[in-house]
Amino acid sequence: MIVDQIPQKSCLWLAVECEGRQISTIEGLQNASIQQAFSEKWAFQCGYCTPGFIMNCHALVEAYPEATDVEIENWLQSNICRCTSYQEIKEAIQSVLAEKKN
């Protein structure tokens, strides 16, 4: 989830801690460009980690439209994908960033 424009792990938050904050969840992203990029780049396998990665990547492209490869890799370290889709996820992010530049 994204709390006040900062990606957070939802399992670490109590509902009462969210009172008065701006909250976004995967259900709140409708037709976000990162969702389409994940699909186009096959940036998922089993799907278990996909919602967390999409939220984290969405926050990244919104906050850092000029993100470098190093910044992308740093952001990707906060989530774990056991199926190893990291390269495809990185490609999805890069495609959204390139689209935003045009």
PDB file of N, CA and C in Angstrom:
ATOM      1  N   MET A   1       0.842  -1.174   0.000  1.00  0.00           N
ATOM      2  CA  MET A   1       0.000   0.000   0.000  1.00  0.00           C
ATOM      3  C   MET A   1       0.887   1.236   0.000  1.00  0.00           C
ATOM      4  N   ILE A   2       0.283   2.355  -0.352  1.00  0.00           N
ATOM      5  CA  ILE A   2       0.997   3.628  -0.343  1.00  0.00           C
ATOM      6  C   ILE A   2       0.303   4.517   0.681  1.00  0.00           C
ATOM      7  N   VAL A   3       1.076   4.994   1.659  1.00  0.00           N
ATOM      8  CA  VAL A   3       0.555   5.861   2.710  1.00  0.00           C
ATOM      9  C   VAL A   3       1.204   7.227   2.547  1.00  0.00           C
ATOM     10  N   ASP A   4       0.380   8.220   2.279  1.00  0.00           N
ATOM     11  CA  ASP A   4       0.889   9.586   2.088  1.00  0.00           C
ATOM     12  C   ASP A   4       2.033   9.618   1.079  1.00  0.00           C
ATOM     13  N   GLN A   5       1.830   8.958  -0.071  1.00  0.00           N
ATOM     14  CA  GLN A   5       2.768   8.889  -1.192  1.00  0.00           C
ATOM     15  C   GLN A   5       4.044   8.092  -0.910  1.00  0.00           C
ATOM     16  N   ILE A   6       4.082   7.332   0.174  1.00  0.00           N
ATOM     17  CA  ILE A   6       5.263   6.525   0.502  1.00  0.00           C
ATOM     18  C   ILE A   6       4.842   5.056   0.563  1.00  0.00           C
ATOM     19  N   PRO A   7       5.509   4.173  -0.211  1.00  0.00           N
ATOM     20  CA  PRO A   7       5.138   2.758  -0.160  1.00  0.00           C
ATOM     21  C   PRO A   7       5.429   2.168   1.224  1.00  0.00           C
ATOM     22  N   GLN A   8       4.483   1.364   1.691  1.00  0.00           N
ATOM     23  CA  GLN A   8       4.582   0.740   3.016  1.00  0.00           C
ATOM     24  C   GLN A   8       4.151  -0.715   2.909  1.00  0.00           C
ATOM     25  N   LYS A   9       4.618  -1.524   3.818  1.00  0.00           N
ATOM     26  CA  LYS A   9       4.158  -2.907   3.891  1.00  0.00           C
ATOM     27  C   LYS A   9       2.871  -2.929   4.721  1.00  0.00           C
ATOM     28  N   SER A  10       1.777  -3.286   4.074  1.00  0.00           N
ATOM     29  CA  SER A  10       0.469  -3.214   4.731  1.00  0.00           C
ATOM     30  C   SER A  10       0.379  -4.138   5.936  1.00  0.00           C
ATOM     31  N   CYS A  11       1.145  -5.206   5.962  1.00  0.00           N
ATOM     32  CA  CYS A  11       1.078  -6.142   7.088  1.00  0.00           C
ATOM     33  C   CYS A  11       1.659  -5.548   8.369  1.00  0.00           C
ATOM     34  N   LEU A  12       2.337  -4.435   8.268  1.00  0.00           N
ATOM     35  CA  LEU A  12       2.949  -3.810   9.442  1.00  0.00           C
ATOM     36  C   LEU A  12       2.127  -2.658  10.008  1.00  0.00           C
ATOM     37  N   TRP A  13       0.968  -2.376   9.405  1.00  0.00           N
ATOM     38  CA  TRP A  13       0.147  -1.243   9.813  1.00  0.00           C
ATOM     39  C   TRP A  13      -1.159  -1.715  10.424  1.00  0.00           C
ATOM     40  N   LEU A  14      -1.523  -1.131  11.528  1.00  0.00           N
ATOM     41  CA  LEU A  14      -2.851  -1.322  12.092  1.00  0.00           C
ATOM     42  C   LEU A  14      -3.794  -0.317  11.434  1.00  0.00           C
ATOM     43  N   ALA A  15      -5.038  -0.680  11.275  1.00  0.00           N
ATOM     44  CA  ALA A  15      -6.006   0.214  10.642  1.00  0.00           C
ATOM     45  C   ALA A  15      -6.081   1.558  11.368  1.00  0.00           C
ATOM     46  N   VAL A  16      -5.995   1.536  12.683  1.00  0.00           N
ATOM     47  CA  VAL A  16      -6.087   2.773  13.462  1.00  0.00           C
ATOM     48  C   VAL A  16      -4.933   3.732  13.137  1.00  0.00           C
ATOM     49  N   GLU A  17      -3.799   3.202  12.719  1.00  0.00           N
ATOM     50  CA  GLU A  17      -2.656   4.046  12.365  1.00  0.00           C
ATOM     51  C   GLU A  17      -2.873   4.787  11.043  1.00  0.00           C
ATOM     52  N   CYS A  18      -3.833   4.346  10.264  1.00  0.00           N
ATOM     53  CA  CYS A  18      -4.097   4.938   8.952  1.00  0.00           C
ATOM     54  C   CYS A  18      -5.111   6.068   9.001  1.00  0.00           C
ATOM     55  N   GLU A  19      -5.703   6.285  10.157  1.00  0.00           N
ATOM     56  CA  GLU A  19      -6.729   7.323  10.271  1.00  0.00           C
ATOM     57  C   GLU A  19      -6.154   8.682   9.899  1.00  0.00           C
ATOM     58  N   GLY A  20      -6.845   9.361   8.995  1.00  0.00           N
ATOM     59  CA  GLY A  20      -6.437  10.698   8.575  1.00  0.00           C
ATOM     60  C   GLY A  20      -5.326  10.720   7.541  1.00  0.00           C
ATOM     61  N   ARG A  21      -4.906   9.569   7.076  1.00  0.00           N
ATOM     62  CA  ARG A  21      -3.832   9.509   6.082  1.00  0.00           C
ATOM     63  C   ARG A  21      -4.405   9.187   4.703  1.00  0.00           C
ATOM     64  N   GLN A  22      -3.668   9.546   3.673  1.00  0.00           N
ATOM     65  CA  GLN A  22      -4.062   9.203   2.311  1.00  0.00           C
ATOM     66  C   GLN A  22      -3.535   7.800   2.013  1.00  0.00           C
ATOM     67  N   ILE A  23      -4.439   6.865   1.748  1.00  0.00           N
ATOM     68  CA  ILE A  23      -4.084   5.464   1.535  1.00  0.00           C
ATOM     69  C   ILE A  23      -4.444   5.046   0.112  1.00  0.00           C
ATOM     70  N   SER A  24      -3.516   4.362  -0.550  1.00  0.00           N
ATOM     71  CA  SER A  24      -3.778   3.759  -1.849  1.00  0.00           C
ATOM     72  C   SER A  24      -3.411   2.290  -1.771  1.00  0.00           C
ATOM     73  N   THR A  25      -4.275   1.445  -2.329  1.00  0.00           N
ATOM     74  CA  THR A  25      -3.996   0.014  -2.398  1.00  0.00           C
ATOM     75  C   THR A  25      -4.068  -0.428  -3.852  1.00  0.00           C
ATOM     76  N   ILE A  26      -3.722  -1.665  -4.104  1.00  0.00           N
ATOM     77  CA  ILE A  26      -3.751  -2.177  -5.475  1.00  0.00           C
ATOM     78  C   ILE A  26      -5.134  -2.045  -6.083  1.00  0.00           C
ATOM     79  N   GLU A  27      -6.160  -2.188  -5.266  1.00  0.00           N
ATOM     80  CA  GLU A  27      -7.524  -2.045  -5.768  1.00  0.00           C
ATOM     81  C   GLU A  27      -7.824  -0.611  -6.212  1.00  0.00           C
ATOM     82  N   GLY A  28      -7.103   0.347  -5.661  1.00  0.00           N
ATOM     83  CA  GLY A  28      -7.314   1.747  -6.004  1.00  0.00           C
ATOM     84  C   GLY A  28      -6.612   2.181  -7.280  1.00  0.00           C
ATOM     85  N   LEU A  29      -5.686   1.372  -7.750  1.00  0.00           N
ATOM     86  CA  LEU A  29      -5.009   1.689  -9.012  1.00  0.00           C
ATOM     87  C   LEU A  29      -5.865   1.153 -10.145  1.00  0.00           C
ATOM     88  N   GLN A  30      -6.431   2.026 -10.892  1.00  0.00           N
ATOM     89  CA  GLN A  30      -7.239   1.594 -12.017  1.00  0.00           C
ATOM     90  C   GLN A  30      -6.593   2.073 -13.300  1.00  0.00           C
ATOM     91  N   ASN A  31      -6.146   1.121 -14.073  1.00  0.00           N
ATOM     92  CA  ASN A  31      -5.511   1.407 -15.358  1.00  0.00           C
ATOM     93  C   ASN A  31      -4.233   2.227 -15.218  1.00  0.00           C
ATOM     94  N   ALA A  32      -3.502   2.017 -14.134  1.00  0.00           N
ATOM     95  CA  ALA A  32      -2.212   2.694 -13.970  1.00  0.00           C
ATOM     96  C   ALA A  32      -1.235   2.136 -15.000  1.00  0.00           C
ATOM     97  N   SER A  33      -0.398   2.988 -15.520  1.00  0.00           N
ATOM     98  CA  SER A  33       0.531   2.570 -16.571  1.00  0.00           C
ATOM     99  C   SER A  33       1.450   1.444 -16.116  1.00  0.00           C
ATOM    100  N   ILE A  34       1.794   1.401 -14.841  1.00  0.00           N
ATOM    101  CA  ILE A  34       2.686   0.339 -14.352  1.00  0.00           C
ATOM    102  C   ILE A  34       1.986  -1.018 -14.420  1.00  0.00           C
ATOM    103  N   GLN A  35       0.679  -1.059 -14.221  1.00  0.00           N
ATOM    104  CA  GLN A  35      -0.047  -2.325 -14.329  1.00  0.00           C
ATOM    105  C   GLN A  35       0.033  -2.859 -15.756  1.00  0.00           C
ATOM    106  N   GLN A  36      -0.178  -1.997 -16.716  1.00  0.00           N
ATOM    107  CA  GLN A  36      -0.096  -2.403 -18.120  1.00  0.00           C
ATOM    108  C   GLN A  36       1.320  -2.845 -18.459  1.00  0.00           C
ATOM    109  N   ALA A  37       2.313  -2.135 -17.959  1.00  0.00           N
ATOM    110  CA  ALA A  37       3.712  -2.485 -18.233  1.00  0.00           C
ATOM    111  C   ALA A  37       4.058  -3.848 -17.650  1.00  0.00           C
ATOM    112  N   PHE A  38       3.549  -4.165 -16.464  1.00  0.00           N
ATOM    113  CA  PHE A  38       3.793  -5.482 -15.872  1.00  0.00           C
ATOM    114  C   PHE A  38       3.259  -6.575 -16.797  1.00  0.00           C
ATOM    115  N   SER A  39       2.105  -6.346 -17.338  1.00  0.00           N
ATOM    116  CA  SER A  39       1.499  -7.319 -18.245  1.00  0.00           C
ATOM    117  C   SER A  39       2.306  -7.439 -19.537  1.00  0.00           C
ATOM    118  N   GLU A  40       2.657  -6.324 -20.127  1.00  0.00           N
ATOM    119  CA  GLU A  40       3.392  -6.319 -21.389  1.00  0.00           C
ATOM    120  C   GLU A  40       4.785  -6.919 -21.272  1.00  0.00           C
ATOM    121  N   LYS A  41       5.440  -6.699 -20.143  1.00  0.00           N
ATOM    122  CA  LYS A  41       6.821  -7.176 -19.944  1.00  0.00           C
ATOM    123  C   LYS A  41       6.884  -8.524 -19.226  1.00  0.00           C
ATOM    124  N   TRP A  42       5.727  -9.120 -18.945  1.00  0.00           N
ATOM    125  CA  TRP A  42       5.666 -10.392 -18.215  1.00  0.00           C
ATOM    126  C   TRP A  42       6.431 -10.293 -16.895  1.00  0.00           C
ATOM    127  N   ALA A  43       6.173  -9.230 -16.164  1.00  0.00           N
ATOM    128  CA  ALA A  43       6.891  -8.934 -14.918  1.00  0.00           C
ATOM    129  C   ALA A  43       6.242  -9.627 -13.716  1.00  0.00           C
ATOM    130  N   PHE A  44       5.835 -10.836 -13.911  1.00  0.00           N
ATOM    131  CA  PHE A  44       5.244 -11.626 -12.829  1.00  0.00           C
ATOM    132  C   PHE A  44       5.314 -13.087 -13.238  1.00  0.00           C
ATOM    133  N   GLN A  45       5.269 -13.961 -12.257  1.00  0.00           N
ATOM    134  CA  GLN A  45       5.183 -15.385 -12.563  1.00  0.00           C
ATOM    135  C   GLN A  45       4.048 -15.980 -11.748  1.00  0.00           C
ATOM    136  N   CYS A  46       4.289 -16.249 -10.474  1.00  0.00           N
ATOM    137  CA  CYS A  46       3.227 -16.867  -9.677  1.00  0.00           C
ATOM    138  C   CYS A  46       2.173 -15.846  -9.252  1.00  0.00           C
ATOM    139  N   GLY A  47       2.556 -14.573  -9.165  1.00  0.00           N
ATOM    140  CA  GLY A  47       1.620 -13.516  -8.819  1.00  0.00           C
ATOM    141  C   GLY A  47       1.548 -13.163  -7.349  1.00  0.00           C
ATOM    142  N   TYR A  48       2.190 -13.945  -6.503  1.00  0.00           N
ATOM    143  CA  TYR A  48       2.110 -13.698  -5.060  1.00  0.00           C
ATOM    144  C   TYR A  48       2.642 -12.315  -4.686  1.00  0.00           C
ATOM    145  N   CYS A  49       3.752 -11.925  -5.256  1.00  0.00           N
ATOM    146  CA  CYS A  49       4.388 -10.657  -4.894  1.00  0.00           C
ATOM    147  C   CYS A  49       3.925  -9.492  -5.758  1.00  0.00           C
ATOM    148  N   THR A  50       3.173  -9.773  -6.809  1.00  0.00           N
ATOM    149  CA  THR A  50       2.839  -8.760  -7.809  1.00  0.00           C
ATOM    150  C   THR A  50       2.158  -7.511  -7.247  1.00  0.00           C
ATOM    151  N   PRO A  51       1.134  -7.629  -6.394  1.00  0.00           N
ATOM    152  CA  PRO A  51       0.512  -6.394  -5.883  1.00  0.00           C
ATOM    153  C   PRO A  51       1.498  -5.486  -5.145  1.00  0.00           C
ATOM    154  N   GLY A  52       2.355  -6.056  -4.320  1.00  0.00           N
ATOM    155  CA  GLY A  52       3.343  -5.248  -3.602  1.00  0.00           C
ATOM    156  C   GLY A  52       4.326  -4.584  -4.536  1.00  0.00           C
ATOM    157  N   PHE A  53       4.785  -5.335  -5.535  1.00  0.00           N
ATOM    158  CA  PHE A  53       5.705  -4.745  -6.507  1.00  0.00           C
ATOM    159  C   PHE A  53       5.032  -3.643  -7.320  1.00  0.00           C
ATOM    160  N   ILE A  54       3.801  -3.863  -7.729  1.00  0.00           N
ATOM    161  CA  ILE A  54       3.106  -2.833  -8.514  1.00  0.00           C
ATOM    162  C   ILE A  54       2.954  -1.559  -7.701  1.00  0.00           C
ATOM    163  N   MET A  55       2.577  -1.686  -6.450  1.00  0.00           N
ATOM    164  CA  MET A  55       2.419  -0.495  -5.608  1.00  0.00           C
ATOM    165  C   MET A  55       3.756   0.211  -5.414  1.00  0.00           C
ATOM    166  N   ASN A  56       4.799  -0.546  -5.143  1.00  0.00           N
ATOM    167  CA  ASN A  56       6.123   0.032  -4.940  1.00  0.00           C
ATOM    168  C   ASN A  56       6.612   0.713  -6.220  1.00  0.00           C
ATOM    169  N   CYS A  57       6.426   0.052  -7.349  1.00  0.00           N
ATOM    170  CA  CYS A  57       6.867   0.611  -8.629  1.00  0.00           C
ATOM    171  C   CYS A  57       6.041   1.833  -9.014  1.00  0.00           C
ATOM    172  N   HIS A  58       4.748   1.800  -8.729  1.00  0.00           N
ATOM    173  CA  HIS A  58       3.896   2.963  -8.997  1.00  0.00           C
ATOM    174  C   HIS A  58       4.394   4.172  -8.192  1.00  0.00           C
ATOM    175  N   ALA A  59       4.693   3.956  -6.922  1.00  0.00           N
ATOM    176  CA  ALA A  59       5.211   5.046  -6.086  1.00  0.00           C
ATOM    177  C   ALA A  59       6.539   5.556  -6.626  1.00  0.00           C
ATOM    178  N   LEU A  60       7.383   4.656  -7.096  1.00  0.00           N
ATOM    179  CA  LEU A  60       8.680   5.051  -7.651  1.00  0.00           C
ATOM    180  C   LEU A  60       8.511   5.940  -8.873  1.00  0.00           C
ATOM    181  N   VAL A  61       7.706   5.507  -9.842  1.00  0.00           N
ATOM    182  CA  VAL A  61       7.581   6.305 -11.072  1.00  0.00           C
ATOM    183  C   VAL A  61       6.870   7.626 -10.837  1.00  0.00           C
ATOM    184  N   GLU A  62       6.014   7.681  -9.820  1.00  0.00           N
ATOM    185  CA  GLU A  62       5.350   8.941  -9.487  1.00  0.00           C
ATOM    186  C   GLU A  62       6.312   9.906  -8.789  1.00  0.00           C
ATOM    187  N   ALA A  63       7.131   9.377  -7.879  1.00  0.00           N
ATOM    188  CA  ALA A  63       8.029  10.230  -7.092  1.00  0.00           C
ATOM    189  C   ALA A  63       9.324  10.576  -7.830  1.00  0.00           C
ATOM    190  N   TYR A  64       9.785   9.665  -8.677  1.00  0.00           N
ATOM    191  CA  TYR A  64      11.072   9.851  -9.350  1.00  0.00           C
ATOM    192  C   TYR A  64      10.948   9.570 -10.846  1.00  0.00           C
ATOM    193  N   PRO A  65      10.360  10.482 -11.602  1.00  0.00           N
ATOM    194  CA  PRO A  65      10.183  10.253 -13.041  1.00  0.00           C
ATOM    195  C   PRO A  65      11.499  10.186 -13.816  1.00  0.00           C
ATOM    196  N   GLU A  66      12.594  10.553 -13.177  1.00  0.00           N
ATOM    197  CA  GLU A  66      13.924  10.479 -13.806  1.00  0.00           C
ATOM    198  C   GLU A  66      14.783   9.418 -13.116  1.00  0.00           C
ATOM    199  N   ALA A  67      14.170   8.395 -12.531  1.00  0.00           N
ATOM    200  CA  ALA A  67      14.900   7.385 -11.756  1.00  0.00           C
ATOM    201  C   ALA A  67      15.985   6.715 -12.596  1.00  0.00           C
ATOM    202  N   THR A  68      17.135   6.546 -11.979  1.00  0.00           N
ATOM    203  CA  THR A  68      18.256   5.864 -12.622  1.00  0.00           C
ATOM    204  C   THR A  68      18.150   4.365 -12.358  1.00  0.00           C
ATOM    205  N   ASP A  69      18.991   3.592 -13.048  1.00  0.00           N
ATOM    206  CA  ASP A  69      19.010   2.147 -12.826  1.00  0.00           C
ATOM    207  C   ASP A  69      19.349   1.812 -11.370  1.00  0.00           C
ATOM    208  N   VAL A  70      20.247   2.571 -10.781  1.00  0.00           N
ATOM    209  CA  VAL A  70      20.636   2.330  -9.383  1.00  0.00           C
ATOM    210  C   VAL A  70      19.447   2.595  -8.458  1.00  0.00           C
ATOM    211  N   GLU A  71      18.724   3.678  -8.687  1.00  0.00           N
ATOM    212  CA  GLU A  71      17.542   3.979  -7.863  1.00  0.00           C
ATOM    213  C   GLU A  71      16.472   2.903  -8.020  1.00  0.00           C
ATOM    214  N   ILE A  72      16.279   2.454  -9.240  1.00  0.00           N
ATOM    215  CA  ILE A  72      15.297   1.385  -9.476  1.00  0.00           C
ATOM    216  C   ILE A  72      15.701   0.135  -8.708  1.00  0.00           C
ATOM    217  N   GLU A  73      16.944  -0.260  -8.812  1.00  0.00           N
ATOM    218  CA  GLU A  73      17.420  -1.464  -8.119  1.00  0.00           C
ATOM    219  C   GLU A  73      17.303  -1.314  -6.604  1.00  0.00           C
ATOM    220  N   ASN A  74      17.564  -0.132  -6.078  1.00  0.00           N
ATOM    221  CA  ASN A  74      17.403   0.095  -4.641  1.00  0.00           C
ATOM    222  C   ASN A  74      15.949  -0.076  -4.227  1.00  0.00           C
ATOM    223  N   TRP A  75      15.016   0.463  -5.009  1.00  0.00           N
ATOM    224  CA  TRP A  75      13.591   0.330  -4.687  1.00  0.00           C
ATOM    225  C   TRP A  75      13.153  -1.122  -4.771  1.00  0.00           C
ATOM    226  N   LEU A  76      13.684  -1.870  -5.723  1.00  0.00           N
ATOM    227  CA  LEU A  76      13.272  -3.265  -5.882  1.00  0.00           C
ATOM    228  C   LEU A  76      13.753  -4.150  -4.740  1.00  0.00           C
ATOM    229  N   GLN A  77      14.732  -3.709  -3.989  1.00  0.00           N
ATOM    230  CA  GLN A  77      15.245  -4.502  -2.877  1.00  0.00           C
ATOM    231  C   GLN A  77      14.260  -4.605  -1.715  1.00  0.00           C
ATOM    232  N   SER A  78      13.257  -3.761  -1.691  1.00  0.00           N
ATOM    233  CA  SER A  78      12.326  -3.776  -0.563  1.00  0.00           C
ATOM    234  C   SER A  78      11.267  -4.864  -0.681  1.00  0.00           C
ATOM    235  N   ASN A  79      11.168  -5.508  -1.835  1.00  0.00           N
ATOM    236  CA  ASN A  79      10.218  -6.599  -2.047  1.00  0.00           C
ATOM    237  C   ASN A  79      10.989  -7.862  -2.438  1.00  0.00           C
ATOM    238  N   ILE A  80      10.374  -8.997  -2.208  1.00  0.00           N
ATOM    239  CA  ILE A  80      11.011 -10.268  -2.555  1.00  0.00           C
ATOM    240  C   ILE A  80      10.157 -11.008  -3.565  1.00  0.00           C
ATOM    241  N   CYS A  81      10.793 -11.444  -4.639  1.00  0.00           N
ATOM    242  CA  CYS A  81      10.153 -12.295  -5.640  1.00  0.00           C
ATOM    243  C   CYS A  81      10.936 -13.594  -5.683  1.00  0.00           C
ATOM    244  N   ARG A  82      10.322 -14.673  -5.280  1.00  0.00           N
ATOM    245  CA  ARG A  82      11.014 -15.964  -5.292  1.00  0.00           C
ATOM    246  C   ARG A  82      11.089 -16.566  -6.687  1.00  0.00           C
ATOM    247  N   CYS A  83      10.262 -16.066  -7.595  1.00  0.00           N
ATOM    248  CA  CYS A  83      10.270 -16.580  -8.972  1.00  0.00           C
ATOM    249  C   CYS A  83      11.297 -15.852  -9.836  1.00  0.00           C
ATOM    250  N   THR A  84      11.940 -14.865  -9.291  1.00  0.00           N
ATOM    251  CA  THR A  84      13.008 -14.085  -9.929  1.00  0.00           C
ATOM    252  C   THR A  84      12.580 -13.341 -11.186  1.00  0.00           C
ATOM    253  N   SER A  85      11.580 -12.526 -11.056  1.00  0.00           N
ATOM    254  CA  SER A  85      11.124 -11.681 -12.167  1.00  0.00           C
ATOM    255  C   SER A  85      11.734 -10.286 -12.103  1.00  0.00           C
ATOM    256  N   TYR A  86      12.824 -10.128 -11.391  1.00  0.00           N
ATOM    257  CA  TYR A  86      13.381  -8.796 -11.183  1.00  0.00           C
ATOM    258  C   TYR A  86      13.736  -8.080 -12.481  1.00  0.00           C
ATOM    259  N   GLN A  87      14.315  -8.775 -13.442  1.00  0.00           N
ATOM    260  CA  GLN A  87      14.702  -8.121 -14.697  1.00  0.00           C
ATOM    261  C   GLN A  87      13.464  -7.629 -15.438  1.00  0.00           C
ATOM    262  N   GLU A  88      12.412  -8.433 -15.466  1.00  0.00           N
ATOM    263  CA  GLU A  88      11.187  -8.034 -16.142  1.00  0.00           C
ATOM    264  C   GLU A  88      10.509  -6.870 -15.421  1.00  0.00           C
ATOM    265  N   ILE A  89      10.563  -6.878 -14.096  1.00  0.00           N
ATOM    266  CA  ILE A  89       9.990  -5.771 -13.318  1.00  0.00           C
ATOM    267  C   ILE A  89      10.755  -4.483 -13.617  1.00  0.00           C
ATOM    268  N   LYS A  90      12.071  -4.584 -13.660  1.00  0.00           N
ATOM    269  CA  LYS A  90      12.891  -3.418 -13.978  1.00  0.00           C
ATOM    270  C   LYS A  90      12.557  -2.903 -15.381  1.00  0.00           C
ATOM    271  N   GLU A  91      12.367  -3.802 -16.324  1.00  0.00           N
ATOM    272  CA  GLU A  91      12.001  -3.398 -17.681  1.00  0.00           C
ATOM    273  C   GLU A  91      10.639  -2.714 -17.707  1.00  0.00           C
ATOM    274  N   ALA A  92       9.714  -3.190 -16.894  1.00  0.00           N
ATOM    275  CA  ALA A  92       8.390  -2.560 -16.809  1.00  0.00           C
ATOM    276  C   ALA A  92       8.516  -1.130 -16.294  1.00  0.00           C
ATOM    277  N   ILE A  93       9.310  -0.948 -15.262  1.00  0.00           N
ATOM    278  CA  ILE A  93       9.527   0.397 -14.715  1.00  0.00           C
ATOM    279  C   ILE A  93      10.159   1.295 -15.768  1.00  0.00           C
ATOM    280  N   GLN A  94      11.201   0.796 -16.428  1.00  0.00           N
ATOM    281  CA  GLN A  94      11.892   1.595 -17.425  1.00  0.00           C
ATOM    282  C   GLN A  94      10.953   1.993 -18.568  1.00  0.00           C
ATOM    283  N   SER A  95      10.047   1.098 -18.941  1.00  0.00           N
ATOM    284  CA  SER A  95       9.127   1.427 -20.030  1.00  0.00           C
ATOM    285  C   SER A  95       8.155   2.527 -19.621  1.00  0.00           C
ATOM    286  N   VAL A  96       7.709   2.497 -18.362  1.00  0.00           N
ATOM    287  CA  VAL A  96       6.805   3.559 -17.878  1.00  0.00           C
ATOM    288  C   VAL A  96       7.560   4.885 -17.789  1.00  0.00           C
ATOM    289  N   LEU A  97       8.780   4.854 -17.291  1.00  0.00           N
ATOM    290  CA  LEU A  97       9.572   6.083 -17.201  1.00  0.00           C
ATOM    291  C   LEU A  97       9.824   6.658 -18.588  1.00  0.00           C
ATOM    292  N   ALA A  98      10.120   5.816 -19.564  1.00  0.00           N
ATOM    293  CA  ALA A  98      10.339   6.281 -20.932  1.00  0.00           C
ATOM    294  C   ALA A  98       9.069   6.876 -21.513  1.00  0.00           C
ATOM    295  N   GLU A  99       7.933   6.264 -21.221  1.00  0.00           N
ATOM    296  CA  GLU A  99       6.638   6.772 -21.703  1.00  0.00           C
ATOM    297  C   GLU A  99       6.342   8.146 -21.103  1.00  0.00           C
ATOM    298  N   LYS A 100       6.696   8.347 -19.827  1.00  0.00           N
ATOM    299  CA  LYS A 100       6.441   9.624 -19.166  1.00  0.00           C
ATOM    300  C   LYS A 100       7.305  10.744 -19.769  1.00  0.00           C
ATOM    301  N   LYS A 101       8.482  10.398 -20.291  1.00  0.00           N
ATOM    302  CA  LYS A 101       9.357  11.403 -20.880  1.00  0.00           C
ATOM    303  C   LYS A 101       8.806  11.927 -22.194  1.00  0.00           C
ATOM    304  N   ASN A 102       8.050  11.092 -22.890  1.00  0.00           N
ATOM    305  CA  ASN A 102       7.523  11.488 -24.215  1.00  0.00           C
ATOM    306  C   ASN A 102       6.264  12.276 -24.115  1.00  0.00           C
TER     307      ASN A 102
END
